[in-house]
């Protein structure tokens, strides 16, 4: 059940933080791992879980796999969940720090590809 998967994926703080970063812009796995200070495997697992739950879309750009919010798929209850994530992080110091670090990050090369 994809609906249940959507709720389950949002039960994890790391995935919520990843989703919050992707509400503003598309990112590759290396940008997420740098901004949140996590391993490549943990960042990849979070992105894949959000993708499989239907929140994200992925596109290739040369060597990079770039993830962003799938605005076409985020309708109905998912749109409500996205609004809840925005509201949750609206005044969060962690979200402000995450987004500040994200602005300073860069794509680091072929090693960051998420296949």
PDB file of N, CA and C in Angstrom:
ATOM      1  N   UNK A   1       0.834  -1.182   0.000  1.00  0.00           N
ATOM      2  CA  UNK A   1       0.000   0.000   0.000  1.00  0.00           C
ATOM      3  C   UNK A   1       0.873   1.237   0.000  1.00  0.00           C
ATOM      4  N   UNK A   2       0.839   1.996  -1.073  1.00  0.00           N
ATOM      5  CA  UNK A   2       1.679   3.191  -1.204  1.00  0.00           C
ATOM      6  C   UNK A   2       1.303   4.262  -0.186  1.00  0.00           C
ATOM      7  N   UNK A   3       0.027   4.340   0.179  1.00  0.00           N
ATOM      8  CA  UNK A   3      -0.400   5.347   1.162  1.00  0.00           C
ATOM      9  C   UNK A   3       0.269   5.101   2.510  1.00  0.00           C
ATOM     10  N   UNK A   4       0.277   3.848   2.935  1.00  0.00           N
ATOM     11  CA  UNK A   4       0.912   3.506   4.204  1.00  0.00           C
ATOM     12  C   UNK A   4       2.406   3.798   4.152  1.00  0.00           C
ATOM     13  N   UNK A   5       3.024   3.511   3.005  1.00  0.00           N
ATOM     14  CA  UNK A   5       4.452   3.771   2.830  1.00  0.00           C
ATOM     15  C   UNK A   5       4.751   5.265   2.986  1.00  0.00           C
ATOM     16  N   UNK A   6       3.863   6.115   2.500  1.00  0.00           N
ATOM     17  CA  UNK A   6       4.062   7.565   2.610  1.00  0.00           C
ATOM     18  C   UNK A   6       4.106   7.998   4.071  1.00  0.00           C
ATOM     19  N   UNK A   7       3.213   7.473   4.881  1.00  0.00           N
ATOM     20  CA  UNK A   7       3.209   7.818   6.306  1.00  0.00           C
ATOM     21  C   UNK A   7       4.437   7.236   7.012  1.00  0.00           C
ATOM     22  N   UNK A   8       4.772   6.008   6.675  1.00  0.00           N
ATOM     23  CA  UNK A   8       5.899   5.347   7.319  1.00  0.00           C
ATOM     24  C   UNK A   8       7.208   6.073   7.023  1.00  0.00           C
ATOM     25  N   UNK A   9       7.402   6.496   5.779  1.00  0.00           N
ATOM     26  CA  UNK A   9       8.646   7.161   5.404  1.00  0.00           C
ATOM     27  C   UNK A   9       8.826   8.484   6.149  1.00  0.00           C
ATOM     28  N   UNK A  10       7.730   9.128   6.501  1.00  0.00           N
ATOM     29  CA  UNK A  10       7.809  10.405   7.209  1.00  0.00           C
ATOM     30  C   UNK A  10       7.927  10.234   8.724  1.00  0.00           C
ATOM     31  N   UNK A  11       8.038   9.012   9.183  1.00  0.00           N
ATOM     32  CA  UNK A  11       8.173   8.776  10.616  1.00  0.00           C
ATOM     33  C   UNK A  11       9.627   8.867  11.082  1.00  0.00           C
ATOM     34  N   UNK A  12      10.528   9.152  10.161  1.00  0.00           N
ATOM     35  CA  UNK A  12      11.954   9.205  10.469  1.00  0.00           C
ATOM     36  C   UNK A  12      12.462  10.643  10.369  1.00  0.00           C
ATOM     37  N   UNK A  13      13.144  11.118  11.398  1.00  0.00           N
ATOM     38  CA  UNK A  13      13.627  12.502  11.423  1.00  0.00           C
ATOM     39  C   UNK A  13      14.582  12.809  10.268  1.00  0.00           C
ATOM     40  N   UNK A  14      15.463  11.889   9.955  1.00  0.00           N
ATOM     41  CA  UNK A  14      16.423  12.118   8.870  1.00  0.00           C
ATOM     42  C   UNK A  14      15.704  12.304   7.540  1.00  0.00           C
ATOM     43  N   UNK A  15      14.729  11.452   7.265  1.00  0.00           N
ATOM     44  CA  UNK A  15      13.996  11.575   5.997  1.00  0.00           C
ATOM     45  C   UNK A  15      13.186  12.866   5.968  1.00  0.00           C
ATOM     46  N   UNK A  16      12.655  13.281   7.112  1.00  0.00           N
ATOM     47  CA  UNK A  16      11.944  14.567   7.173  1.00  0.00           C
ATOM     48  C   UNK A  16      12.891  15.720   6.863  1.00  0.00           C
ATOM     49  N   UNK A  17      14.093  15.665   7.397  1.00  0.00           N
ATOM     50  CA  UNK A  17      15.074  16.721   7.145  1.00  0.00           C
ATOM     51  C   UNK A  17      15.484  16.738   5.674  1.00  0.00           C
ATOM     52  N   UNK A  18      15.647  15.559   5.085  1.00  0.00           N
ATOM     53  CA  UNK A  18      15.970  15.477   3.654  1.00  0.00           C
ATOM     54  C   UNK A  18      14.843  16.086   2.837  1.00  0.00           C
ATOM     55  N   UNK A  19      13.617  15.689   3.132  1.00  0.00           N
ATOM     56  CA  UNK A  19      12.465  16.221   2.404  1.00  0.00           C
ATOM     57  C   UNK A  19      12.389  17.735   2.550  1.00  0.00           C
ATOM     58  N   UNK A  20      12.623  18.240   3.733  1.00  0.00           N
ATOM     59  CA  UNK A  20      12.583  19.680   3.955  1.00  0.00           C
ATOM     60  C   UNK A  20      13.608  20.400   3.075  1.00  0.00           C
ATOM     61  N   UNK A  21      14.799  19.840   2.922  1.00  0.00           N
ATOM     62  CA  UNK A  21      15.799  20.446   2.043  1.00  0.00           C
ATOM     63  C   UNK A  21      15.341  20.445   0.591  1.00  0.00           C
ATOM     64  N   UNK A  22      14.663  19.377   0.197  1.00  0.00           N
ATOM     65  CA  UNK A  22      14.242  19.247  -1.198  1.00  0.00           C
ATOM     66  C   UNK A  22      12.983  20.058  -1.529  1.00  0.00           C
ATOM     67  N   UNK A  23      12.373  20.670  -0.541  1.00  0.00           N
ATOM     68  CA  UNK A  23      11.211  21.524  -0.815  1.00  0.00           C
ATOM     69  C   UNK A  23      11.631  22.786  -1.566  1.00  0.00           C
ATOM     70  N   UNK A  24      12.889  23.187  -1.423  1.00  0.00           N
ATOM     71  CA  UNK A  24      13.376  24.414  -2.042  1.00  0.00           C
ATOM     72  C   UNK A  24      14.080  24.211  -3.373  1.00  0.00           C
ATOM     73  N   UNK A  25      14.781  23.095  -3.518  1.00  0.00           N
ATOM     74  CA  UNK A  25      15.616  22.920  -4.702  1.00  0.00           C
ATOM     75  C   UNK A  25      15.942  21.448  -4.886  1.00  0.00           C
ATOM     76  N   UNK A  26      16.415  21.111  -6.077  1.00  0.00           N
ATOM     77  CA  UNK A  26      16.851  19.738  -6.299  1.00  0.00           C
ATOM     78  C   UNK A  26      18.287  19.589  -5.816  1.00  0.00           C
ATOM     79  N   UNK A  27      18.616  18.376  -5.393  1.00  0.00           N
ATOM     80  CA  UNK A  27      19.930  18.096  -4.836  1.00  0.00           C
ATOM     81  C   UNK A  27      20.369  16.697  -5.233  1.00  0.00           C
ATOM     82  N   UNK A  28      21.673  16.503  -5.213  1.00  0.00           N
ATOM     83  CA  UNK A  28      22.192  15.147  -5.374  1.00  0.00           C
ATOM     84  C   UNK A  28      22.515  14.595  -3.989  1.00  0.00           C
ATOM     85  N   UNK A  29      22.809  13.325  -3.941  1.00  0.00           N
ATOM     86  CA  UNK A  29      23.058  12.663  -2.662  1.00  0.00           C
ATOM     87  C   UNK A  29      24.243  13.290  -1.928  1.00  0.00           C
ATOM     88  N   UNK A  30      25.274  13.711  -2.655  1.00  0.00           N
ATOM     89  CA  UNK A  30      26.448  14.276  -1.978  1.00  0.00           C
ATOM     90  C   UNK A  30      26.114  15.597  -1.298  1.00  0.00           C
ATOM     91  N   UNK A  31      25.224  16.386  -1.870  1.00  0.00           N
ATOM     92  CA  UNK A  31      24.817  17.641  -1.228  1.00  0.00           C
ATOM     93  C   UNK A  31      24.040  17.366   0.054  1.00  0.00           C
ATOM     94  N   UNK A  32      23.174  16.357   0.018  1.00  0.00           N
ATOM     95  CA  UNK A  32      22.413  15.974   1.216  1.00  0.00           C
ATOM     96  C   UNK A  32      23.355  15.479   2.301  1.00  0.00           C
ATOM     97  N   UNK A  33      24.289  14.601   1.928  1.00  0.00           N
ATOM     98  CA  UNK A  33      25.186  14.040   2.936  1.00  0.00           C
ATOM     99  C   UNK A  33      26.061  15.121   3.560  1.00  0.00           C
ATOM    100  N   UNK A  34      26.501  16.093   2.781  1.00  0.00           N
ATOM    101  CA  UNK A  34      27.309  17.184   3.324  1.00  0.00           C
ATOM    102  C   UNK A  34      26.479  18.094   4.233  1.00  0.00           C
ATOM    103  N   UNK A  35      25.293  18.451   3.786  1.00  0.00           N
ATOM    104  CA  UNK A  35      24.452  19.371   4.550  1.00  0.00           C
ATOM    105  C   UNK A  35      24.001  18.770   5.873  1.00  0.00           C
ATOM    106  N   UNK A  36      23.723  17.468   5.885  1.00  0.00           N
ATOM    107  CA  UNK A  36      23.229  16.825   7.103  1.00  0.00           C
ATOM    108  C   UNK A  36      24.318  16.075   7.863  1.00  0.00           C
ATOM    109  N   UNK A  37      25.546  16.069   7.334  1.00  0.00           N
ATOM    110  CA  UNK A  37      26.651  15.418   8.019  1.00  0.00           C
ATOM    111  C   UNK A  37      26.445  13.931   8.206  1.00  0.00           C
ATOM    112  N   UNK A  38      26.069  13.257   7.133  1.00  0.00           N
ATOM    113  CA  UNK A  38      25.803  11.821   7.219  1.00  0.00           C
ATOM    114  C   UNK A  38      26.549  11.082   6.127  1.00  0.00           C
ATOM    115  N   UNK A  39      26.584   9.773   6.244  1.00  0.00           N
ATOM    116  CA  UNK A  39      27.257   8.945   5.251  1.00  0.00           C
ATOM    117  C   UNK A  39      26.473   8.931   3.939  1.00  0.00           C
ATOM    118  N   UNK A  40      27.167   8.571   2.884  1.00  0.00           N
ATOM    119  CA  UNK A  40      26.537   8.472   1.573  1.00  0.00           C
ATOM    120  C   UNK A  40      25.444   7.419   1.584  1.00  0.00           C
ATOM    121  N   UNK A  41      25.680   6.305   2.264  1.00  0.00           N
ATOM    122  CA  UNK A  41      24.677   5.229   2.274  1.00  0.00           C
ATOM    123  C   UNK A  41      23.409   5.660   3.013  1.00  0.00           C
ATOM    124  N   UNK A  42      23.555   6.383   4.119  1.00  0.00           N
ATOM    125  CA  UNK A  42      22.377   6.842   4.862  1.00  0.00           C
ATOM    126  C   UNK A  42      21.585   7.874   4.051  1.00  0.00           C
ATOM    127  N   UNK A  43      22.294   8.803   3.409  1.00  0.00           N
ATOM    128  CA  UNK A  43      21.622   9.799   2.569  1.00  0.00           C
ATOM    129  C   UNK A  43      20.903   9.116   1.404  1.00  0.00           C
ATOM    130  N   UNK A  44      21.567   8.144   0.784  1.00  0.00           N
ATOM    131  CA  UNK A  44      20.963   7.422  -0.344  1.00  0.00           C
ATOM    132  C   UNK A  44      19.723   6.660   0.084  1.00  0.00           C
ATOM    133  N   UNK A  45      19.806   5.984   1.234  1.00  0.00           N
ATOM    134  CA  UNK A  45      18.640   5.227   1.724  1.00  0.00           C
ATOM    135  C   UNK A  45      17.459   6.165   1.987  1.00  0.00           C
ATOM    136  N   UNK A  46      17.729   7.324   2.550  1.00  0.00           N
ATOM    137  CA  UNK A  46      16.659   8.292   2.807  1.00  0.00           C
ATOM    138  C   UNK A  46      16.030   8.795   1.524  1.00  0.00           C
ATOM    139  N   UNK A  47      16.857   9.121   0.546  1.00  0.00           N
ATOM    140  CA  UNK A  47      16.351   9.588  -0.748  1.00  0.00           C
ATOM    141  C   UNK A  47      15.541   8.510  -1.449  1.00  0.00           C
ATOM    142  N   UNK A  48      16.040   7.297  -1.434  1.00  0.00           N
ATOM    143  CA  UNK A  48      15.341   6.183  -2.089  1.00  0.00           C
ATOM    144  C   UNK A  48      13.993   5.938  -1.414  1.00  0.00           C
ATOM    145  N   UNK A  49      13.951   5.979  -0.089  1.00  0.00           N
ATOM    146  CA  UNK A  49      12.683   5.765   0.624  1.00  0.00           C
ATOM    147  C   UNK A  49      11.670   6.842   0.253  1.00  0.00           C
ATOM    148  N   UNK A  50      12.098   8.087   0.196  1.00  0.00           N
ATOM    149  CA  UNK A  50      11.197   9.188  -0.179  1.00  0.00           C
ATOM    150  C   UNK A  50      10.754   9.063  -1.638  1.00  0.00           C
ATOM    151  N   UNK A  51      11.661   8.635  -2.499  1.00  0.00           N
ATOM    152  CA  UNK A  51      11.350   8.423  -3.912  1.00  0.00           C
ATOM    153  C   UNK A  51      10.318   7.304  -4.073  1.00  0.00           C
ATOM    154  N   UNK A  52      10.564   6.184  -3.406  1.00  0.00           N
ATOM    155  CA  UNK A  52       9.655   5.038  -3.527  1.00  0.00           C
ATOM    156  C   UNK A  52       8.284   5.313  -2.913  1.00  0.00           C
ATOM    157  N   UNK A  53       8.226   6.225  -1.950  1.00  0.00           N
ATOM    158  CA  UNK A  53       6.938   6.583  -1.349  1.00  0.00           C
ATOM    159  C   UNK A  53       6.183   7.607  -2.196  1.00  0.00           C
ATOM    160  N   UNK A  54       6.811   8.072  -3.280  1.00  0.00           N
ATOM    161  CA  UNK A  54       6.128   8.967  -4.211  1.00  0.00           C
ATOM    162  C   UNK A  54       6.253  10.451  -3.905  1.00  0.00           C
ATOM    163  N   UNK A  55       7.192  10.832  -3.057  1.00  0.00           N
ATOM    164  CA  UNK A  55       7.380  12.249  -2.755  1.00  0.00           C
ATOM    165  C   UNK A  55       8.375  12.922  -3.689  1.00  0.00           C
ATOM    166  N   UNK A  56       9.317  12.158  -4.209  1.00  0.00           N
ATOM    167  CA  UNK A  56      10.399  12.733  -5.002  1.00  0.00           C
ATOM    168  C   UNK A  56      10.402  12.201  -6.424  1.00  0.00           C
ATOM    169  N   UNK A  57      11.022  12.986  -7.287  1.00  0.00           N
ATOM    170  CA  UNK A  57      11.337  12.524  -8.629  1.00  0.00           C
ATOM    171  C   UNK A  57      12.849  12.619  -8.771  1.00  0.00           C
ATOM    172  N   UNK A  58      13.381  11.883  -9.731  1.00  0.00           N
ATOM    173  CA  UNK A  58      14.813  11.854  -9.945  1.00  0.00           C
ATOM    174  C   UNK A  58      15.090  12.074 -11.420  1.00  0.00           C
ATOM    175  N   UNK A  59      16.130  12.851 -11.686  1.00  0.00           N
ATOM    176  CA  UNK A  59      16.571  13.020 -13.069  1.00  0.00           C
ATOM    177  C   UNK A  59      18.084  12.941 -13.099  1.00  0.00           C
ATOM    178  N   UNK A  60      18.596  12.517 -14.224  1.00  0.00           N
ATOM    179  CA  UNK A  60      20.042  12.432 -14.414  1.00  0.00           C
ATOM    180  C   UNK A  60      20.531  13.708 -15.109  1.00  0.00           C
ATOM    181  N   UNK A  61      21.682  14.175 -14.659  1.00  0.00           N
ATOM    182  CA  UNK A  61      22.355  15.311 -15.288  1.00  0.00           C
ATOM    183  C   UNK A  61      23.834  14.956 -15.340  1.00  0.00           C
ATOM    184  N   UNK A  62      24.253  14.407 -16.453  1.00  0.00           N
ATOM    185  CA  UNK A  62      25.633  13.942 -16.557  1.00  0.00           C
ATOM    186  C   UNK A  62      25.875  12.829 -15.555  1.00  0.00           C
ATOM    187  N   UNK A  63      26.792  13.063 -14.639  1.00  0.00           N
ATOM    188  CA  UNK A  63      27.149  12.058 -13.643  1.00  0.00           C
ATOM    189  C   UNK A  63      26.232  12.048 -12.436  1.00  0.00           C
ATOM    190  N   UNK A  64      25.398  13.063 -12.304  1.00  0.00           N
ATOM    191  CA  UNK A  64      24.600  13.211 -11.086  1.00  0.00           C
ATOM    192  C   UNK A  64      23.171  12.716 -11.239  1.00  0.00           C
ATOM    193  N   UNK A  65      22.682  12.143 -10.159  1.00  0.00           N
ATOM    194  CA  UNK A  65      21.266  11.835 -10.008  1.00  0.00           C
ATOM    195  C   UNK A  65      20.711  12.924  -9.103  1.00  0.00           C
ATOM    196  N   UNK A  66      19.811  13.716  -9.624  1.00  0.00           N
ATOM    197  CA  UNK A  66      19.267  14.846  -8.881  1.00  0.00           C
ATOM    198  C   UNK A  66      17.842  14.557  -8.451  1.00  0.00           C
ATOM    199  N   UNK A  67      17.572  14.801  -7.184  1.00  0.00           N
ATOM    200  CA  UNK A  67      16.257  14.561  -6.604  1.00  0.00           C
ATOM    201  C   UNK A  67      15.574  15.884  -6.312  1.00  0.00           C
ATOM    202  N   UNK A  68      14.261  15.888  -6.490  1.00  0.00           N
ATOM    203  CA  UNK A  68      13.454  17.061  -6.159  1.00  0.00           C
ATOM    204  C   UNK A  68      12.040  16.607  -5.813  1.00  0.00           C
ATOM    205  N   UNK A  69      11.282  17.517  -5.236  1.00  0.00           N
ATOM    206  CA  UNK A  69       9.896  17.222  -4.904  1.00  0.00           C
ATOM    207  C   UNK A  69       9.121  16.936  -6.185  1.00  0.00           C
ATOM    208  N   UNK A  70       8.362  15.871  -6.214  1.00  0.00           N
ATOM    209  CA  UNK A  70       7.546  15.529  -7.385  1.00  0.00           C
ATOM    210  C   UNK A  70       6.193  16.210  -7.233  1.00  0.00           C
ATOM    211  N   UNK A  71       6.125  17.445  -7.685  1.00  0.00           N
ATOM    212  CA  UNK A  71       4.919  18.249  -7.497  1.00  0.00           C
ATOM    213  C   UNK A  71       3.707  17.668  -8.212  1.00  0.00           C
ATOM    214  N   UNK A  72       3.926  16.915  -9.289  1.00  0.00           N
ATOM    215  CA  UNK A  72       2.811  16.276 -10.006  1.00  0.00           C
ATOM    216  C   UNK A  72       2.193  15.155  -9.174  1.00  0.00           C
ATOM    217  N   UNK A  73       3.034  14.440  -8.419  1.00  0.00           N
ATOM    218  CA  UNK A  73       2.551  13.298  -7.638  1.00  0.00           C
ATOM    219  C   UNK A  73       2.053  13.696  -6.254  1.00  0.00           C
ATOM    220  N   UNK A  74       2.485  14.854  -5.775  1.00  0.00           N
ATOM    221  CA  UNK A  74       2.136  15.282  -4.418  1.00  0.00           C
ATOM    222  C   UNK A  74       0.800  16.026  -4.475  1.00  0.00           C
ATOM    223  N   UNK A  75      -0.251  15.243  -4.433  1.00  0.00           N
ATOM    224  CA  UNK A  75      -1.626  15.774  -4.455  1.00  0.00           C
ATOM    225  C   UNK A  75      -2.414  15.098  -3.332  1.00  0.00           C
ATOM    226  N   UNK A  76      -3.571  15.618  -3.047  1.00  0.00           N
ATOM    227  CA  UNK A  76      -4.425  14.996  -2.039  1.00  0.00           C
ATOM    228  C   UNK A  76      -3.766  14.963  -0.675  1.00  0.00           C
ATOM    229  N   UNK A  77      -3.796  13.790  -0.055  1.00  0.00           N
ATOM    230  CA  UNK A  77      -3.258  13.660   1.301  1.00  0.00           C
ATOM    231  C   UNK A  77      -1.757  13.952   1.335  1.00  0.00           C
ATOM    232  N   UNK A  78      -1.026  13.656   0.251  1.00  0.00           N
ATOM    233  CA  UNK A  78       0.406  13.931   0.223  1.00  0.00           C
ATOM    234  C   UNK A  78       0.676  15.430   0.268  1.00  0.00           C
ATOM    235  N   UNK A  79      -0.164  16.211  -0.379  1.00  0.00           N
ATOM    236  CA  UNK A  79      -0.007  17.667  -0.318  1.00  0.00           C
ATOM    237  C   UNK A  79      -0.186  18.142   1.122  1.00  0.00           C
ATOM    238  N   UNK A  80      -1.128  17.539   1.828  1.00  0.00           N
ATOM    239  CA  UNK A  80      -1.325  17.862   3.242  1.00  0.00           C
ATOM    240  C   UNK A  80      -0.124  17.475   4.084  1.00  0.00           C
ATOM    241  N   UNK A  81       0.485  16.344   3.768  1.00  0.00           N
ATOM    242  CA  UNK A  81       1.682  15.914   4.493  1.00  0.00           C
ATOM    243  C   UNK A  81       2.849  16.880   4.244  1.00  0.00           C
ATOM    244  N   UNK A  82       2.985  17.326   3.003  1.00  0.00           N
ATOM    245  CA  UNK A  82       4.046  18.297   2.679  1.00  0.00           C
ATOM    246  C   UNK A  82       3.819  19.593   3.451  1.00  0.00           C
ATOM    247  N   UNK A  83       2.568  20.043   3.520  1.00  0.00           N
ATOM    248  CA  UNK A  83       2.263  21.261   4.283  1.00  0.00           C
ATOM    249  C   UNK A  83       2.588  21.066   5.765  1.00  0.00           C
ATOM    250  N   UNK A  84       2.329  19.877   6.272  1.00  0.00           N
ATOM    251  CA  UNK A  84       2.650  19.580   7.676  1.00  0.00           C
ATOM    252  C   UNK A  84       4.163  19.607   7.903  1.00  0.00           C
ATOM    253  N   UNK A  85       4.931  19.095   6.947  1.00  0.00           N
ATOM    254  CA  UNK A  85       6.396  19.132   7.052  1.00  0.00           C
ATOM    255  C   UNK A  85       6.867  20.585   7.048  1.00  0.00           C
ATOM    256  N   UNK A  86       6.318  21.395   6.147  1.00  0.00           N
ATOM    257  CA  UNK A  86       6.683  22.821   6.095  1.00  0.00           C
ATOM    258  C   UNK A  86       6.371  23.506   7.418  1.00  0.00           C
ATOM    259  N   UNK A  87       5.202  23.243   7.957  1.00  0.00           N
ATOM    260  CA  UNK A  87       4.793  23.867   9.221  1.00  0.00           C
ATOM    261  C   UNK A  87       5.686  23.401  10.370  1.00  0.00           C
ATOM    262  N   UNK A  88       6.008  22.107  10.390  1.00  0.00           N
ATOM    263  CA  UNK A  88       6.848  21.554  11.441  1.00  0.00           C
ATOM    264  C   UNK A  88       8.224  22.224  11.467  1.00  0.00           C
ATOM    265  N   UNK A  89       8.789  22.450  10.287  1.00  0.00           N
ATOM    266  CA  UNK A  89      10.137  23.007  10.209  1.00  0.00           C
ATOM    267  C   UNK A  89      10.176  24.535  10.111  1.00  0.00           C
ATOM    268  N   UNK A  90       9.015  25.169  10.092  1.00  0.00           N
ATOM    269  CA  UNK A  90       8.950  26.621   9.870  1.00  0.00           C
ATOM    270  C   UNK A  90       9.848  27.413  10.817  1.00  0.00           C
ATOM    271  N   UNK A  91       9.831  27.135  12.082  1.00  0.00           N
ATOM    272  CA  UNK A  91      10.629  27.870  13.055  1.00  0.00           C
ATOM    273  C   UNK A  91      11.682  27.001  13.719  1.00  0.00           C
ATOM    274  N   UNK A  92      12.119  25.982  13.013  1.00  0.00           N
ATOM    275  CA  UNK A  92      13.071  25.028  13.565  1.00  0.00           C
ATOM    276  C   UNK A  92      14.511  25.498  13.352  1.00  0.00           C
ATOM    277  N   UNK A  93      15.273  25.524  14.441  1.00  0.00           N
ATOM    278  CA  UNK A  93      16.691  25.884  14.342  1.00  0.00           C
ATOM    279  C   UNK A  93      17.454  24.863  13.504  1.00  0.00           C
ATOM    280  N   UNK A  94      17.082  23.599  13.633  1.00  0.00           N
ATOM    281  CA  UNK A  94      17.743  22.541  12.853  1.00  0.00           C
ATOM    282  C   UNK A  94      17.517  22.770  11.360  1.00  0.00           C
ATOM    283  N   UNK A  95      16.298  23.121  10.967  1.00  0.00           N
ATOM    284  CA  UNK A  95      16.000  23.348   9.550  1.00  0.00           C
ATOM    285  C   UNK A  95      16.773  24.547   9.019  1.00  0.00           C
ATOM    286  N   UNK A  96      16.868  25.596   9.810  1.00  0.00           N
ATOM    287  CA  UNK A  96      17.621  26.782   9.399  1.00  0.00           C
ATOM    288  C   UNK A  96      19.090  26.403   9.189  1.00  0.00           C
ATOM    289  N   UNK A  97      19.657  25.638  10.129  1.00  0.00           N
ATOM    290  CA  UNK A  97      21.055  25.192  10.010  1.00  0.00           C
ATOM    291  C   UNK A  97      21.243  24.282   8.800  1.00  0.00           C
ATOM    292  N   UNK A  98      20.314  23.346   8.589  1.00  0.00           N
ATOM    293  CA  UNK A  98      20.394  22.449   7.434  1.00  0.00           C
ATOM    294  C   UNK A  98      20.412  23.244   6.138  1.00  0.00           C
ATOM    295  N   UNK A  99      19.510  24.191   6.011  1.00  0.00           N
ATOM    296  CA  UNK A  99      19.406  24.963   4.766  1.00  0.00           C
ATOM    297  C   UNK A  99      20.613  25.874   4.576  1.00  0.00           C
ATOM    298  N   UNK A 100      21.147  26.401   5.664  1.00  0.00           N
ATOM    299  CA  UNK A 100      22.346  27.234   5.583  1.00  0.00           C
ATOM    300  C   UNK A 100      23.533  26.402   5.083  1.00  0.00           C
ATOM    301  N   UNK A 101      23.697  25.208   5.645  1.00  0.00           N
ATOM    302  CA  UNK A 101      24.778  24.319   5.198  1.00  0.00           C
ATOM    303  C   UNK A 101      24.555  23.887   3.748  1.00  0.00           C
ATOM    304  N   UNK A 102      23.301  23.660   3.370  1.00  0.00           N
ATOM    305  CA  UNK A 102      23.000  23.230   2.003  1.00  0.00           C
ATOM    306  C   UNK A 102      23.447  24.282   0.987  1.00  0.00           C
ATOM    307  N   UNK A 103      23.238  25.539   1.301  1.00  0.00           N
ATOM    308  CA  UNK A 103      23.627  26.607   0.374  1.00  0.00           C
ATOM    309  C   UNK A 103      25.137  26.626   0.139  1.00  0.00           C
ATOM    310  N   UNK A 104      25.910  26.151   1.104  1.00  0.00           N
ATOM    311  CA  UNK A 104      27.370  26.163   1.001  1.00  0.00           C
ATOM    312  C   UNK A 104      27.925  24.910   0.339  1.00  0.00           C
ATOM    313  N   UNK A 105      27.101  23.895   0.108  1.00  0.00           N
ATOM    314  CA  UNK A 105      27.593  22.620  -0.416  1.00  0.00           C
ATOM    315  C   UNK A 105      27.685  22.629  -1.928  1.00  0.00           C
ATOM    316  N   UNK A 106      28.476  21.689  -2.428  1.00  0.00           N
ATOM    317  CA  UNK A 106      28.662  21.554  -3.881  1.00  0.00           C
ATOM    318  C   UNK A 106      28.683  20.079  -4.247  1.00  0.00           C
ATOM    319  N   UNK A 107      28.396  19.803  -5.495  1.00  0.00           N
ATOM    320  CA  UNK A 107      28.477  18.431  -5.995  1.00  0.00           C
ATOM    321  C   UNK A 107      29.938  18.052  -6.059  1.00  0.00           C
ATOM    322  N   UNK A 108      30.282  16.932  -5.463  1.00  0.00           N
ATOM    323  CA  UNK A 108      31.694  16.594  -5.294  1.00  0.00           C
ATOM    324  C   UNK A 108      32.250  15.638  -6.345  1.00  0.00           C
ATOM    325  N   UNK A 109      31.451  15.132  -7.225  1.00  0.00           N
ATOM    326  CA  UNK A 109      32.018  14.309  -8.294  1.00  0.00           C
ATOM    327  C   UNK A 109      31.364  12.958  -8.462  1.00  0.00           C
ATOM    328  N   UNK A 110      31.968  12.125  -9.310  1.00  0.00           N
ATOM    329  CA  UNK A 110      31.365  10.844  -9.673  1.00  0.00           C
ATOM    330  C   UNK A 110      31.075   9.925  -8.495  1.00  0.00           C
ATOM    331  N   UNK A 111      31.816  10.057  -7.412  1.00  0.00           N
ATOM    332  CA  UNK A 111      31.595   9.197  -6.265  1.00  0.00           C
ATOM    333  C   UNK A 111      30.264   9.419  -5.586  1.00  0.00           C
ATOM    334  N   UNK A 112      29.571  10.494  -5.926  1.00  0.00           N
ATOM    335  CA  UNK A 112      28.310  10.788  -5.256  1.00  0.00           C
ATOM    336  C   UNK A 112      27.111  10.241  -6.010  1.00  0.00           C
ATOM    337  N   UNK A 113      27.326   9.580  -7.127  1.00  0.00           N
ATOM    338  CA  UNK A 113      26.205   9.074  -7.927  1.00  0.00           C
ATOM    339  C   UNK A 113      25.417   8.049  -7.127  1.00  0.00           C
ATOM    340  N   UNK A 114      24.101   8.218  -7.136  1.00  0.00           N
ATOM    341  CA  UNK A 114      23.194   7.283  -6.472  1.00  0.00           C
ATOM    342  C   UNK A 114      22.482   6.480  -7.540  1.00  0.00           C
ATOM    343  N   UNK A 115      22.842   5.204  -7.674  1.00  0.00           N
ATOM    344  CA  UNK A 115      22.235   4.373  -8.729  1.00  0.00           C
ATOM    345  C   UNK A 115      21.094   3.573  -8.192  1.00  0.00           C
TER     346      UNK A 115
END
